[in-house]
Amino acid sequence: LAFDCQVIDEVPMEEHDLPMEYLLT
């Protein structure tokens, strides 16, 4: 769940970070 201003080009991800399946703005 995000405000539109929170969506950026690239979020730094580490090996343990799980990706989201959906984005709701």
mmCIF file of all heavy atoms, coordinates in Angstrom:
data_MODEL
# 
_entry.id   MODEL 
# 
loop_
_atom_site.group_PDB 
_atom_site.id 
_atom_site.type_symbol 
_atom_site.label_atom_id 
_atom_site.label_alt_id 
_atom_site.label_comp_id 
_atom_site.label_asym_id 
_atom_site.label_entity_id 
_atom_site.label_seq_id 
_atom_site.pdbx_PDB_ins_code 
_atom_site.Cartn_x 
_atom_site.Cartn_y 
_atom_site.Cartn_z 
_atom_site.occupancy 
_atom_site.B_iso_or_equiv 
_atom_site.pdbx_formal_charge 
_atom_site.auth_seq_id 
_atom_site.auth_comp_id 
_atom_site.auth_asym_id 
_atom_site.auth_atom_id 
_atom_site.pdbx_PDB_model_num 
ATOM 1   N N   . LEU A 1 1  ? 0.863  -1.183  0.000   1.00 0.00 ? 1  LEU A N   1 
ATOM 2   C CA  . LEU A 1 1  ? 0.000  0.000   0.000   1.00 0.00 ? 1  LEU A CA  1 
ATOM 3   C C   . LEU A 1 1  ? 0.895  1.226   0.000   1.00 0.00 ? 1  LEU A C   1 
ATOM 4   O O   . LEU A 1 1  ? 1.787  1.331   0.847   1.00 0.00 ? 1  LEU A O   1 
ATOM 5   C CB  . LEU A 1 1  ? -0.865 0.045   1.260   1.00 0.00 ? 1  LEU A CB  1 
ATOM 6   C CG  . LEU A 1 1  ? -2.051 -0.880  1.338   1.00 0.00 ? 1  LEU A CG  1 
ATOM 7   C CD1 . LEU A 1 1  ? -2.722 -0.752  2.703   1.00 0.00 ? 1  LEU A CD1 1 
ATOM 8   C CD2 . LEU A 1 1  ? -3.053 -0.555  0.249   1.00 0.00 ? 1  LEU A CD2 1 
ATOM 9   N N   . ALA A 1 2  ? 0.656  2.150   -0.929  1.00 0.00 ? 2  ALA A N   1 
ATOM 10  C CA  . ALA A 1 2  ? 1.567  3.285   -1.026  1.00 0.00 ? 2  ALA A CA  1 
ATOM 11  C C   . ALA A 1 2  ? 0.882  4.533   -1.551  1.00 0.00 ? 2  ALA A C   1 
ATOM 12  O O   . ALA A 1 2  ? -0.059 4.452   -2.340  1.00 0.00 ? 2  ALA A O   1 
ATOM 13  C CB  . ALA A 1 2  ? 2.730  2.937   -1.955  1.00 0.00 ? 2  ALA A CB  1 
ATOM 14  N N   . PHE A 1 3  ? 1.392  5.657   -1.111  1.00 0.00 ? 3  PHE A N   1 
ATOM 15  C CA  . PHE A 1 3  ? 1.069  6.917   -1.771  1.00 0.00 ? 3  PHE A CA  1 
ATOM 16  C C   . PHE A 1 3  ? 1.850  6.919   -3.076  1.00 0.00 ? 3  PHE A C   1 
ATOM 17  O O   . PHE A 1 3  ? 2.936  6.344   -3.159  1.00 0.00 ? 3  PHE A O   1 
ATOM 18  C CB  . PHE A 1 3  ? 1.504  8.111   -0.908  1.00 0.00 ? 3  PHE A CB  1 
ATOM 19  C CG  . PHE A 1 3  ? 0.747  8.253   0.374   1.00 0.00 ? 3  PHE A CG  1 
ATOM 20  C CD1 . PHE A 1 3  ? 1.372  7.997   1.585   1.00 0.00 ? 3  PHE A CD1 1 
ATOM 21  C CD2 . PHE A 1 3  ? -0.580 8.638   0.386   1.00 0.00 ? 3  PHE A CD2 1 
ATOM 22  C CE1 . PHE A 1 3  ? 0.692  8.126   2.783   1.00 0.00 ? 3  PHE A CE1 1 
ATOM 23  C CE2 . PHE A 1 3  ? -1.278 8.778   1.581   1.00 0.00 ? 3  PHE A CE2 1 
ATOM 24  C CZ  . PHE A 1 3  ? -0.640 8.516   2.775   1.00 0.00 ? 3  PHE A CZ  1 
ATOM 25  N N   . ASP A 1 4  ? 1.334  7.553   -4.092  1.00 0.00 ? 4  ASP A N   1 
ATOM 26  C CA  . ASP A 1 4  ? 2.004  7.565   -5.391  1.00 0.00 ? 4  ASP A CA  1 
ATOM 27  C C   . ASP A 1 4  ? 3.427  8.129   -5.301  1.00 0.00 ? 4  ASP A C   1 
ATOM 28  O O   . ASP A 1 4  ? 4.318  7.666   -6.011  1.00 0.00 ? 4  ASP A O   1 
ATOM 29  C CB  . ASP A 1 4  ? 1.167  8.339   -6.412  1.00 0.00 ? 4  ASP A CB  1 
ATOM 30  C CG  . ASP A 1 4  ? -0.105 7.572   -6.752  1.00 0.00 ? 4  ASP A CG  1 
ATOM 31  O OD1 . ASP A 1 4  ? -0.027 6.625   -7.557  1.00 0.00 ? 4  ASP A OD1 1 
ATOM 32  O OD2 . ASP A 1 4  ? -1.170 7.899   -6.192  1.00 0.00 ? 4  ASP A OD2 1 
ATOM 33  N N   . CYS A 1 5  ? 3.641  9.085   -4.405  1.00 0.00 ? 5  CYS A N   1 
ATOM 34  C CA  . CYS A 1 5  ? 4.973  9.683   -4.263  1.00 0.00 ? 5  CYS A CA  1 
ATOM 35  C C   . CYS A 1 5  ? 5.993  8.724   -3.658  1.00 0.00 ? 5  CYS A C   1 
ATOM 36  O O   . CYS A 1 5  ? 7.195  8.991   -3.679  1.00 0.00 ? 5  CYS A O   1 
ATOM 37  C CB  . CYS A 1 5  ? 4.905  10.964  -3.439  1.00 0.00 ? 5  CYS A CB  1 
ATOM 38  S SG  . CYS A 1 5  ? 4.360  10.714  -1.730  1.00 0.00 ? 5  CYS A SG  1 
ATOM 39  N N   . GLN A 1 6  ? 5.555  7.586   -3.152  1.00 0.00 ? 6  GLN A N   1 
ATOM 40  C CA  . GLN A 1 6  ? 6.468  6.596   -2.577  1.00 0.00 ? 6  GLN A CA  1 
ATOM 41  C C   . GLN A 1 6  ? 7.001  5.621   -3.619  1.00 0.00 ? 6  GLN A C   1 
ATOM 42  O O   . GLN A 1 6  ? 7.879  4.821   -3.310  1.00 0.00 ? 6  GLN A O   1 
ATOM 43  C CB  . GLN A 1 6  ? 5.761  5.796   -1.480  1.00 0.00 ? 6  GLN A CB  1 
ATOM 44  C CG  . GLN A 1 6  ? 5.429  6.604   -0.242  1.00 0.00 ? 6  GLN A CG  1 
ATOM 45  C CD  . GLN A 1 6  ? 4.715  5.728   0.762   1.00 0.00 ? 6  GLN A CD  1 
ATOM 46  O OE1 . GLN A 1 6  ? 3.509  5.607   0.768   1.00 0.00 ? 6  GLN A OE1 1 
ATOM 47  N NE2 . GLN A 1 6  ? 5.504  5.091   1.612   1.00 0.00 ? 6  GLN A NE2 1 
ATOM 48  N N   . VAL A 1 7  ? 6.463  5.663   -4.830  1.00 0.00 ? 7  VAL A N   1 
ATOM 49  C CA  . VAL A 1 7  ? 6.905  4.758   -5.884  1.00 0.00 ? 7  VAL A CA  1 
ATOM 50  C C   . VAL A 1 7  ? 8.074  5.416   -6.604  1.00 0.00 ? 7  VAL A C   1 
ATOM 51  O O   . VAL A 1 7  ? 7.926  6.492   -7.194  1.00 0.00 ? 7  VAL A O   1 
ATOM 52  C CB  . VAL A 1 7  ? 5.764  4.423   -6.863  1.00 0.00 ? 7  VAL A CB  1 
ATOM 53  C CG1 . VAL A 1 7  ? 6.242  3.448   -7.938  1.00 0.00 ? 7  VAL A CG1 1 
ATOM 54  C CG2 . VAL A 1 7  ? 4.571  3.840   -6.104  1.00 0.00 ? 7  VAL A CG2 1 
ATOM 55  N N   . ILE A 1 8  ? 9.239  4.770   -6.522  1.00 0.00 ? 8  ILE A N   1 
ATOM 56  C CA  . ILE A 1 8  ? 10.455 5.322   -7.109  1.00 0.00 ? 8  ILE A CA  1 
ATOM 57  C C   . ILE A 1 8  ? 10.979 4.359   -8.177  1.00 0.00 ? 8  ILE A C   1 
ATOM 58  O O   . ILE A 1 8  ? 10.446 3.268   -8.352  1.00 0.00 ? 8  ILE A O   1 
ATOM 59  C CB  . ILE A 1 8  ? 11.528 5.606   -6.028  1.00 0.00 ? 8  ILE A CB  1 
ATOM 60  C CG1 . ILE A 1 8  ? 11.942 4.312   -5.307  1.00 0.00 ? 8  ILE A CG1 1 
ATOM 61  C CG2 . ILE A 1 8  ? 11.009 6.636   -5.019  1.00 0.00 ? 8  ILE A CG2 1 
ATOM 62  C CD1 . ILE A 1 8  ? 13.085 4.482   -4.309  1.00 0.00 ? 8  ILE A CD1 1 
ATOM 63  N N   . ASP A 1 9  ? 12.018 4.785   -8.899  1.00 0.00 ? 9  ASP A N   1 
ATOM 64  C CA  . ASP A 1 9  ? 12.564 3.965   -9.982  1.00 0.00 ? 9  ASP A CA  1 
ATOM 65  C C   . ASP A 1 9  ? 13.100 2.626   -9.499  1.00 0.00 ? 9  ASP A C   1 
ATOM 66  O O   . ASP A 1 9  ? 12.861 1.597   -10.121 1.00 0.00 ? 9  ASP A O   1 
ATOM 67  C CB  . ASP A 1 9  ? 13.673 4.718   -10.727 1.00 0.00 ? 9  ASP A CB  1 
ATOM 68  C CG  . ASP A 1 9  ? 13.119 5.873   -11.543 1.00 0.00 ? 9  ASP A CG  1 
ATOM 69  O OD1 . ASP A 1 9  ? 11.928 5.845   -11.886 1.00 0.00 ? 9  ASP A OD1 1 
ATOM 70  O OD2 . ASP A 1 9  ? 13.892 6.809   -11.822 1.00 0.00 ? 9  ASP A OD2 1 
ATOM 71  N N   . GLU A 1 10 ? 13.855 2.649   -8.409  1.00 0.00 ? 10 GLU A N   1 
ATOM 72  C CA  . GLU A 1 10 ? 14.448 1.400   -7.932  1.00 0.00 ? 10 GLU A CA  1 
ATOM 73  C C   . GLU A 1 10 ? 14.647 1.434   -6.424  1.00 0.00 ? 10 GLU A C   1 
ATOM 74  O O   . GLU A 1 10 ? 15.232 2.370   -5.894  1.00 0.00 ? 10 GLU A O   1 
ATOM 75  C CB  . GLU A 1 10 ? 15.789 1.147   -8.610  1.00 0.00 ? 10 GLU A CB  1 
ATOM 76  C CG  . GLU A 1 10 ? 16.409 -0.165  -8.209  1.00 0.00 ? 10 GLU A CG  1 
ATOM 77  C CD  . GLU A 1 10 ? 17.743 -0.435  -8.896  1.00 0.00 ? 10 GLU A CD  1 
ATOM 78  O OE1 . GLU A 1 10 ? 18.145 0.362   -9.778  1.00 0.00 ? 10 GLU A OE1 1 
ATOM 79  O OE2 . GLU A 1 10 ? 18.379 -1.427  -8.543  1.00 0.00 ? 10 GLU A OE2 1 
ATOM 80  N N   . VAL A 1 11 ? 14.155 0.398   -5.772  1.00 0.00 ? 11 VAL A N   1 
ATOM 81  C CA  . VAL A 1 11 ? 14.368 0.230   -4.346  1.00 0.00 ? 11 VAL A CA  1 
ATOM 82  C C   . VAL A 1 11 ? 15.529 -0.750  -4.174  1.00 0.00 ? 11 VAL A C   1 
ATOM 83  O O   . VAL A 1 11 ? 15.518 -1.821  -4.790  1.00 0.00 ? 11 VAL A O   1 
ATOM 84  C CB  . VAL A 1 11 ? 13.098 -0.333  -3.659  1.00 0.00 ? 11 VAL A CB  1 
ATOM 85  C CG1 . VAL A 1 11 ? 13.380 -0.738  -2.222  1.00 0.00 ? 11 VAL A CG1 1 
ATOM 86  C CG2 . VAL A 1 11 ? 11.972 0.695   -3.706  1.00 0.00 ? 11 VAL A CG2 1 
ATOM 87  N N   . PRO A 1 12 ? 16.519 -0.405  -3.368  1.00 0.00 ? 12 PRO A N   1 
ATOM 88  C CA  . PRO A 1 12 ? 17.621 -1.339  -3.149  1.00 0.00 ? 12 PRO A CA  1 
ATOM 89  C C   . PRO A 1 12 ? 17.122 -2.586  -2.429  1.00 0.00 ? 12 PRO A C   1 
ATOM 90  O O   . PRO A 1 12 ? 16.440 -2.487  -1.416  1.00 0.00 ? 12 PRO A O   1 
ATOM 91  C CB  . PRO A 1 12 ? 18.599 -0.547  -2.277  1.00 0.00 ? 12 PRO A CB  1 
ATOM 92  C CG  . PRO A 1 12 ? 17.791 0.545   -1.668  1.00 0.00 ? 12 PRO A CG  1 
ATOM 93  C CD  . PRO A 1 12 ? 16.668 0.831   -2.612  1.00 0.00 ? 12 PRO A CD  1 
ATOM 94  N N   . MET A 1 13 ? 17.421 -3.737  -2.998  1.00 0.00 ? 13 MET A N   1 
ATOM 95  C CA  . MET A 1 13 ? 16.968 -5.006  -2.435  1.00 0.00 ? 13 MET A CA  1 
ATOM 96  C C   . MET A 1 13 ? 18.171 -5.837  -2.035  1.00 0.00 ? 13 MET A C   1 
ATOM 97  O O   . MET A 1 13 ? 19.170 -5.872  -2.752  1.00 0.00 ? 13 MET A O   1 
ATOM 98  C CB  . MET A 1 13 ? 16.129 -5.781  -3.450  1.00 0.00 ? 13 MET A CB  1 
ATOM 99  C CG  . MET A 1 13 ? 14.846 -5.089  -3.889  1.00 0.00 ? 13 MET A CG  1 
ATOM 100 S SD  . MET A 1 13 ? 13.540 -5.176  -2.683  1.00 0.00 ? 13 MET A SD  1 
ATOM 101 C CE  . MET A 1 13 ? 13.039 -6.884  -2.860  1.00 0.00 ? 13 MET A CE  1 
ATOM 102 N N   . GLU A 1 14 ? 18.046 -6.523  -0.910  1.00 0.00 ? 14 GLU A N   1 
ATOM 103 C CA  . GLU A 1 14 ? 19.062 -7.461  -0.467  1.00 0.00 ? 14 GLU A CA  1 
ATOM 104 C C   . GLU A 1 14 ? 18.519 -8.871  -0.618  1.00 0.00 ? 14 GLU A C   1 
ATOM 105 O O   . GLU A 1 14 ? 17.326 -9.065  -0.870  1.00 0.00 ? 14 GLU A O   1 
ATOM 106 C CB  . GLU A 1 14 ? 19.452 -7.149  0.975   1.00 0.00 ? 14 GLU A CB  1 
ATOM 107 C CG  . GLU A 1 14 ? 20.111 -5.781  1.105   1.00 0.00 ? 14 GLU A CG  1 
ATOM 108 C CD  . GLU A 1 14 ? 20.497 -5.441  2.531   1.00 0.00 ? 14 GLU A CD  1 
ATOM 109 O OE1 . GLU A 1 14 ? 20.810 -6.368  3.309   1.00 0.00 ? 14 GLU A OE1 1 
ATOM 110 O OE2 . GLU A 1 14 ? 20.482 -4.245  2.860   1.00 0.00 ? 14 GLU A OE2 1 
ATOM 111 N N   . GLU A 1 15 ? 19.371 -9.850  -0.461  1.00 0.00 ? 15 GLU A N   1 
ATOM 112 C CA  . GLU A 1 15 ? 19.007 -11.239 -0.698  1.00 0.00 ? 15 GLU A CA  1 
ATOM 113 C C   . GLU A 1 15 ? 17.796 -11.685 0.125   1.00 0.00 ? 15 GLU A C   1 
ATOM 114 O O   . GLU A 1 15 ? 16.947 -12.423 -0.350  1.00 0.00 ? 15 GLU A O   1 
ATOM 115 C CB  . GLU A 1 15 ? 20.209 -12.135 -0.384  1.00 0.00 ? 15 GLU A CB  1 
ATOM 116 C CG  . GLU A 1 15 ? 20.041 -13.556 -0.850  1.00 0.00 ? 15 GLU A CG  1 
ATOM 117 C CD  . GLU A 1 15 ? 21.304 -14.357 -0.649  1.00 0.00 ? 15 GLU A CD  1 
ATOM 118 O OE1 . GLU A 1 15 ? 22.379 -13.903 -1.093  1.00 0.00 ? 15 GLU A OE1 1 
ATOM 119 O OE2 . GLU A 1 15 ? 21.196 -15.428 -0.040  1.00 0.00 ? 15 GLU A OE2 1 
ATOM 120 N N   . HIS A 1 16 ? 17.688 -11.215 1.370   1.00 0.00 ? 16 HIS A N   1 
ATOM 121 C CA  . HIS A 1 16 ? 16.601 -11.635 2.250   1.00 0.00 ? 16 HIS A CA  1 
ATOM 122 C C   . HIS A 1 16 ? 15.302 -10.859 2.032   1.00 0.00 ? 16 HIS A C   1 
ATOM 123 O O   . HIS A 1 16 ? 14.267 -11.208 2.582   1.00 0.00 ? 16 HIS A O   1 
ATOM 124 C CB  . HIS A 1 16 ? 17.028 -11.527 3.720   1.00 0.00 ? 16 HIS A CB  1 
ATOM 125 C CG  . HIS A 1 16 ? 17.313 -10.110 4.129   1.00 0.00 ? 16 HIS A CG  1 
ATOM 126 N ND1 . HIS A 1 16 ? 18.554 -9.547  3.972   1.00 0.00 ? 16 HIS A ND1 1 
ATOM 127 C CD2 . HIS A 1 16 ? 16.515 -9.156  4.666   1.00 0.00 ? 16 HIS A CD2 1 
ATOM 128 C CE1 . HIS A 1 16 ? 18.510 -8.299  4.407   1.00 0.00 ? 16 HIS A CE1 1 
ATOM 129 N NE2 . HIS A 1 16 ? 17.290 -8.038  4.830   1.00 0.00 ? 16 HIS A NE2 1 
ATOM 130 N N   . ASP A 1 17 ? 15.336 -9.784  1.228   1.00 0.00 ? 17 ASP A N   1 
ATOM 131 C CA  . ASP A 1 17 ? 14.143 -8.976  0.977   1.00 0.00 ? 17 ASP A CA  1 
ATOM 132 C C   . ASP A 1 17 ? 13.192 -9.714  0.029   1.00 0.00 ? 17 ASP A C   1 
ATOM 133 O O   . ASP A 1 17 ? 13.600 -10.155 -1.044  1.00 0.00 ? 17 ASP A O   1 
ATOM 134 C CB  . ASP A 1 17 ? 14.526 -7.629  0.347   1.00 0.00 ? 17 ASP A CB  1 
ATOM 135 C CG  . ASP A 1 17 ? 15.298 -6.738  1.302   1.00 0.00 ? 17 ASP A CG  1 
ATOM 136 O OD1 . ASP A 1 17 ? 15.101 -6.861  2.531   1.00 0.00 ? 17 ASP A OD1 1 
ATOM 137 O OD2 . ASP A 1 17 ? 16.104 -5.931  0.820   1.00 0.00 ? 17 ASP A OD2 1 
ATOM 138 N N   . LEU A 1 18 ? 11.942 -9.839  0.434   1.00 0.00 ? 18 LEU A N   1 
ATOM 139 C CA  . LEU A 1 18 ? 10.956 -10.525 -0.393  1.00 0.00 ? 18 LEU A CA  1 
ATOM 140 C C   . LEU A 1 18 ? 10.219 -9.511  -1.271  1.00 0.00 ? 18 LEU A C   1 
ATOM 141 O O   . LEU A 1 18 ? 9.774  -8.477  -0.778  1.00 0.00 ? 18 LEU A O   1 
ATOM 142 C CB  . LEU A 1 18 ? 9.958  -11.271 0.486   1.00 0.00 ? 18 LEU A CB  1 
ATOM 143 C CG  . LEU A 1 18 ? 10.559 -12.404 1.322   1.00 0.00 ? 18 LEU A CG  1 
ATOM 144 C CD1 . LEU A 1 18 ? 9.512  -12.984 2.252   1.00 0.00 ? 18 LEU A CD1 1 
ATOM 145 C CD2 . LEU A 1 18 ? 11.125 -13.484 0.427   1.00 0.00 ? 18 LEU A CD2 1 
ATOM 146 N N   . PRO A 1 19 ? 10.079 -9.801  -2.558  1.00 0.00 ? 19 PRO A N   1 
ATOM 147 C CA  . PRO A 1 19 ? 9.386  -8.860  -3.445  1.00 0.00 ? 19 PRO A CA  1 
ATOM 148 C C   . PRO A 1 19 ? 7.866  -8.878  -3.232  1.00 0.00 ? 19 PRO A C   1 
ATOM 149 O O   . PRO A 1 19 ? 7.294  -9.884  -2.826  1.00 0.00 ? 19 PRO A O   1 
ATOM 150 C CB  . PRO A 1 19 ? 9.745  -9.371  -4.848  1.00 0.00 ? 19 PRO A CB  1 
ATOM 151 C CG  . PRO A 1 19 ? 10.014 -10.822 -4.651  1.00 0.00 ? 19 PRO A CG  1 
ATOM 152 C CD  . PRO A 1 19 ? 10.592 -10.965 -3.269  1.00 0.00 ? 19 PRO A CD  1 
ATOM 153 N N   . MET A 1 20 ? 7.252  -7.758  -3.523  1.00 0.00 ? 20 MET A N   1 
ATOM 154 C CA  . MET A 1 20 ? 5.800  -7.635  -3.479  1.00 0.00 ? 20 MET A CA  1 
ATOM 155 C C   . MET A 1 20 ? 5.222  -8.182  -4.785  1.00 0.00 ? 20 MET A C   1 
ATOM 156 O O   . MET A 1 20 ? 5.872  -8.125  -5.816  1.00 0.00 ? 20 MET A O   1 
ATOM 157 C CB  . MET A 1 20 ? 5.380  -6.169  -3.328  1.00 0.00 ? 20 MET A CB  1 
ATOM 158 C CG  . MET A 1 20 ? 5.965  -5.456  -2.107  1.00 0.00 ? 20 MET A CG  1 
ATOM 159 S SD  . MET A 1 20 ? 5.478  -6.192  -0.553  1.00 0.00 ? 20 MET A SD  1 
ATOM 160 C CE  . MET A 1 20 ? 6.846  -7.282  -0.225  1.00 0.00 ? 20 MET A CE  1 
ATOM 161 N N   . GLU A 1 21 ? 4.002  -8.675  -4.735  1.00 0.00 ? 21 GLU A N   1 
ATOM 162 C CA  . GLU A 1 21 ? 3.334  -9.155  -5.943  1.00 0.00 ? 21 GLU A CA  1 
ATOM 163 C C   . GLU A 1 21 ? 2.474  -8.064  -6.586  1.00 0.00 ? 21 GLU A C   1 
ATOM 164 O O   . GLU A 1 21 ? 2.289  -8.051  -7.791  1.00 0.00 ? 21 GLU A O   1 
ATOM 165 C CB  . GLU A 1 21 ? 2.420  -10.325 -5.612  1.00 0.00 ? 21 GLU A CB  1 
ATOM 166 C CG  . GLU A 1 21 ? 3.127  -11.552 -5.115  1.00 0.00 ? 21 GLU A CG  1 
ATOM 167 C CD  . GLU A 1 21 ? 2.125  -12.580 -4.673  1.00 0.00 ? 21 GLU A CD  1 
ATOM 168 O OE1 . GLU A 1 21 ? 1.717  -13.396 -5.528  1.00 0.00 ? 21 GLU A OE1 1 
ATOM 169 O OE2 . GLU A 1 21 ? 1.738  -12.552 -3.488  1.00 0.00 ? 21 GLU A OE2 1 
ATOM 170 N N   . TYR A 1 22 ? 1.938  -7.194  -5.749  1.00 0.00 ? 22 TYR A N   1 
ATOM 171 C CA  . TYR A 1 22 ? 1.033  -6.152  -6.215  1.00 0.00 ? 22 TYR A CA  1 
ATOM 172 C C   . TYR A 1 22 ? 1.422  -4.833  -5.575  1.00 0.00 ? 22 TYR A C   1 
ATOM 173 O O   . TYR A 1 22 ? 1.971  -4.795  -4.472  1.00 0.00 ? 22 TYR A O   1 
ATOM 174 C CB  . TYR A 1 22 ? -0.419 -6.448  -5.800  1.00 0.00 ? 22 TYR A CB  1 
ATOM 175 C CG  . TYR A 1 22 ? -1.005 -7.688  -6.400  1.00 0.00 ? 22 TYR A CG  1 
ATOM 176 C CD1 . TYR A 1 22 ? -0.813 -8.928  -5.798  1.00 0.00 ? 22 TYR A CD1 1 
ATOM 177 C CD2 . TYR A 1 22 ? -1.776 -7.632  -7.559  1.00 0.00 ? 22 TYR A CD2 1 
ATOM 178 C CE1 . TYR A 1 22 ? -1.363 -10.078 -6.334  1.00 0.00 ? 22 TYR A CE1 1 
ATOM 179 C CE2 . TYR A 1 22 ? -2.332 -8.780  -8.101  1.00 0.00 ? 22 TYR A CE2 1 
ATOM 180 C CZ  . TYR A 1 22 ? -2.119 -9.998  -7.487  1.00 0.00 ? 22 TYR A CZ  1 
ATOM 181 O OH  . TYR A 1 22 ? -2.668 -11.124 -8.019  1.00 0.00 ? 22 TYR A OH  1 
ATOM 182 N N   . LEU A 1 23 ? 1.075  -3.757  -6.270  1.00 0.00 ? 23 LEU A N   1 
ATOM 183 C CA  . LEU A 1 23 ? 1.252  -2.407  -5.754  1.00 0.00 ? 23 LEU A CA  1 
ATOM 184 C C   . LEU A 1 23 ? -0.097 -1.715  -5.857  1.00 0.00 ? 23 LEU A C   1 
ATOM 185 O O   . LEU A 1 23 ? -0.727 -1.745  -6.925  1.00 0.00 ? 23 LEU A O   1 
ATOM 186 C CB  . LEU A 1 23 ? 2.316  -1.671  -6.575  1.00 0.00 ? 23 LEU A CB  1 
ATOM 187 C CG  . LEU A 1 23 ? 2.704  -0.271  -6.144  1.00 0.00 ? 23 LEU A CG  1 
ATOM 188 C CD1 . LEU A 1 23 ? 3.251  -0.263  -4.715  1.00 0.00 ? 23 LEU A CD1 1 
ATOM 189 C CD2 . LEU A 1 23 ? 3.755  0.301   -7.098  1.00 0.00 ? 23 LEU A CD2 1 
ATOM 190 N N   . LEU A 1 24 ? -0.555 -1.121  -4.769  1.00 0.00 ? 24 LEU A N   1 
ATOM 191 C CA  . LEU A 1 24 ? -1.848 -0.434  -4.734  1.00 0.00 ? 24 LEU A CA  1 
ATOM 192 C C   . LEU A 1 24 ? -1.622 1.023   -4.390  1.00 0.00 ? 24 LEU A C   1 
ATOM 193 O O   . LEU A 1 24 ? -1.137 1.341   -3.303  1.00 0.00 ? 24 LEU A O   1 
ATOM 194 C CB  . LEU A 1 24 ? -2.768 -1.100  -3.703  1.00 0.00 ? 24 LEU A CB  1 
ATOM 195 C CG  . LEU A 1 24 ? -4.149 -0.488  -3.485  1.00 0.00 ? 24 LEU A CG  1 
ATOM 196 C CD1 . LEU A 1 24 ? -4.951 -0.421  -4.779  1.00 0.00 ? 24 LEU A CD1 1 
ATOM 197 C CD2 . LEU A 1 24 ? -4.916 -1.269  -2.419  1.00 0.00 ? 24 LEU A CD2 1 
ATOM 198 N N   . THR A 1 25 ? -1.940 1.905   -5.357  1.00 0.00 ? 25 THR A N   1 
ATOM 199 C CA  . THR A 1 25 ? -1.848 3.353   -5.136  1.00 0.00 ? 25 THR A CA  1 
ATOM 200 C C   . THR A 1 25 ? -3.133 4.012   -5.616  1.00 0.00 ? 25 THR A C   1 
ATOM 201 O O   . THR A 1 25 ? -3.901 3.423   -6.382  1.00 0.00 ? 25 THR A O   1 
ATOM 202 C CB  . THR A 1 25 ? -0.659 3.978   -5.885  1.00 0.00 ? 25 THR A CB  1 
ATOM 203 O OG1 . THR A 1 25 ? -0.897 3.916   -7.290  1.00 0.00 ? 25 THR A OG1 1 
ATOM 204 C CG2 . THR A 1 25 ? 0.664  3.314   -5.537  1.00 0.00 ? 25 THR A CG2 1 
# 
